[in-house]
Every structure is written in structure tokens, then in C-alpha cells.
């Protein structure tokens, strides 16, 4: 499942607001995709 650019930007904003971390779009996309993959694996179990 691929994340939309809007979802990635929302994840960037969440990281900034909650953790004070500013990350690039590419890093936010990679991190969000990894997190989504973990959730998907958990749902399959």
C-alpha cells in the first residue's frame, strides 16, 4: 500500500508537533511506510 503525498505531509507535521523533529519528505515517507507495514503485519496475525 502506497501512502499519498498528503498522508506523508500529515505524518511530517505530526513528527514536528509531537516530537519536535523536522524530517525531509523522503524520510517521513520511508518512516511512515515502515510503520504502516508493521501494522499490516500485525493485522495478518
N, C-alpha and C. Protein backbone atom coordinates (compact mmCIF):
# COMPACT_ATOMS: atom_id res chain seq x y z
N UNK A 1 0.85 -1.17 0.00
CA UNK A 1 0.00 0.00 0.00
C UNK A 1 0.90 1.24 0.00
N UNK A 2 0.66 2.13 -0.95
CA UNK A 2 1.46 3.35 -1.07
C UNK A 2 0.74 4.51 -0.39
N UNK A 3 1.49 5.30 0.33
CA UNK A 3 0.93 6.46 1.01
C UNK A 3 0.81 7.64 0.06
N UNK A 4 -0.24 8.42 0.22
CA UNK A 4 -0.41 9.61 -0.60
C UNK A 4 0.53 10.72 -0.10
N UNK A 5 0.86 11.66 -0.97
CA UNK A 5 1.68 12.80 -0.53
C UNK A 5 1.04 13.57 0.64
N UNK A 6 -0.27 13.66 0.65
CA UNK A 6 -0.96 14.35 1.74
C UNK A 6 -0.74 13.60 3.06
N UNK A 7 -0.83 12.29 3.03
CA UNK A 7 -0.62 11.49 4.24
C UNK A 7 0.81 11.65 4.75
N UNK A 8 1.77 11.69 3.84
CA UNK A 8 3.17 11.86 4.24
C UNK A 8 3.37 13.23 4.88
N UNK A 9 2.79 14.25 4.30
CA UNK A 9 2.93 15.60 4.88
C UNK A 9 2.26 15.67 6.25
N UNK A 10 1.15 15.01 6.41
CA UNK A 10 0.49 14.96 7.72
C UNK A 10 1.38 14.26 8.73
N UNK A 11 2.06 13.21 8.31
CA UNK A 11 2.98 12.49 9.19
C UNK A 11 4.16 13.40 9.55
N UNK A 12 4.67 14.17 8.59
CA UNK A 12 5.73 15.13 8.86
C UNK A 12 5.28 16.12 9.94
N UNK A 13 4.09 16.64 9.81
CA UNK A 13 3.55 17.60 10.77
C UNK A 13 3.41 16.96 12.15
N UNK A 14 2.94 15.73 12.19
CA UNK A 14 2.79 15.01 13.46
C UNK A 14 4.15 14.85 14.15
N UNK A 15 5.18 14.47 13.40
CA UNK A 15 6.51 14.33 13.99
C UNK A 15 7.01 15.65 14.55
N UNK A 16 6.75 16.72 13.83
CA UNK A 16 7.19 18.05 14.28
C UNK A 16 6.44 18.47 15.54
N UNK A 17 5.12 18.30 15.54
CA UNK A 17 4.30 18.72 16.68
C UNK A 17 4.54 17.89 17.93
N UNK A 18 4.62 16.57 17.76
CA UNK A 18 4.71 15.68 18.91
C UNK A 18 6.14 15.48 19.42
N UNK A 19 7.12 15.49 18.50
CA UNK A 19 8.49 15.17 18.89
C UNK A 19 9.49 16.28 18.60
N UNK A 20 9.04 17.37 17.98
CA UNK A 20 9.93 18.47 17.66
C UNK A 20 10.96 18.13 16.59
N UNK A 21 10.68 17.09 15.81
CA UNK A 21 11.60 16.65 14.76
C UNK A 21 11.12 17.10 13.40
N UNK A 22 12.00 17.77 12.68
CA UNK A 22 11.70 18.12 11.29
C UNK A 22 12.46 17.15 10.40
N UNK A 23 11.74 16.43 9.58
CA UNK A 23 12.35 15.45 8.68
C UNK A 23 11.96 15.78 7.24
N UNK A 24 12.79 15.31 6.33
CA UNK A 24 12.51 15.52 4.91
C UNK A 24 11.29 14.71 4.49
N UNK A 25 10.75 15.08 3.34
CA UNK A 25 9.61 14.34 2.81
C UNK A 25 9.99 12.87 2.62
N UNK A 26 11.19 12.63 2.05
CA UNK A 26 11.64 11.26 1.78
C UNK A 26 11.77 10.46 3.07
N UNK A 27 12.31 11.06 4.11
CA UNK A 27 12.47 10.36 5.39
C UNK A 27 11.11 10.11 6.03
N UNK A 28 10.22 11.08 5.96
CA UNK A 28 8.88 10.90 6.51
C UNK A 28 8.15 9.79 5.76
N UNK A 29 8.30 9.76 4.45
CA UNK A 29 7.64 8.73 3.65
C UNK A 29 8.16 7.34 4.01
N UNK A 30 9.47 7.22 4.14
CA UNK A 30 10.08 5.93 4.50
C UNK A 30 9.62 5.47 5.89
N UNK A 31 9.65 6.38 6.85
CA UNK A 31 9.27 6.04 8.22
C UNK A 31 7.79 5.67 8.31
N UNK A 32 6.95 6.46 7.67
CA UNK A 32 5.52 6.19 7.69
C UNK A 32 5.20 4.87 7.00
N UNK A 33 5.87 4.59 5.89
CA UNK A 33 5.64 3.33 5.18
C UNK A 33 6.06 2.14 6.04
N UNK A 34 7.19 2.27 6.73
CA UNK A 34 7.64 1.20 7.63
C UNK A 34 6.63 0.97 8.75
N UNK A 35 6.12 2.05 9.31
CA UNK A 35 5.12 1.94 10.37
C UNK A 35 3.85 1.27 9.86
N UNK A 36 3.42 1.66 8.68
CA UNK A 36 2.24 1.05 8.07
C UNK A 36 2.46 -0.45 7.83
N UNK A 37 3.65 -0.80 7.36
CA UNK A 37 3.96 -2.21 7.12
C UNK A 37 3.89 -3.03 8.40
N UNK A 38 4.36 -2.46 9.51
CA UNK A 38 4.29 -3.17 10.79
C UNK A 38 2.84 -3.40 11.18
N UNK A 39 2.02 -2.36 11.05
CA UNK A 39 0.59 -2.51 11.37
C UNK A 39 -0.07 -3.57 10.49
N UNK A 40 0.27 -3.56 9.21
CA UNK A 40 -0.32 -4.54 8.29
C UNK A 40 0.07 -5.97 8.70
N UNK A 41 1.33 -6.15 9.10
CA UNK A 41 1.78 -7.47 9.56
C UNK A 41 1.02 -7.90 10.82
N UNK A 42 0.81 -6.97 11.72
CA UNK A 42 0.08 -7.29 12.96
C UNK A 42 -1.37 -7.68 12.67
N UNK A 43 -1.96 -7.04 11.70
CA UNK A 43 -3.34 -7.36 11.34
C UNK A 43 -3.49 -8.74 10.72
N UNK A 44 -2.43 -9.22 10.09
CA UNK A 44 -2.49 -10.53 9.44
C UNK A 44 -2.37 -11.67 10.43
N UNK A 45 -1.86 -11.39 11.62
CA UNK A 45 -1.65 -12.45 12.62
C UNK A 45 -2.92 -12.80 13.35
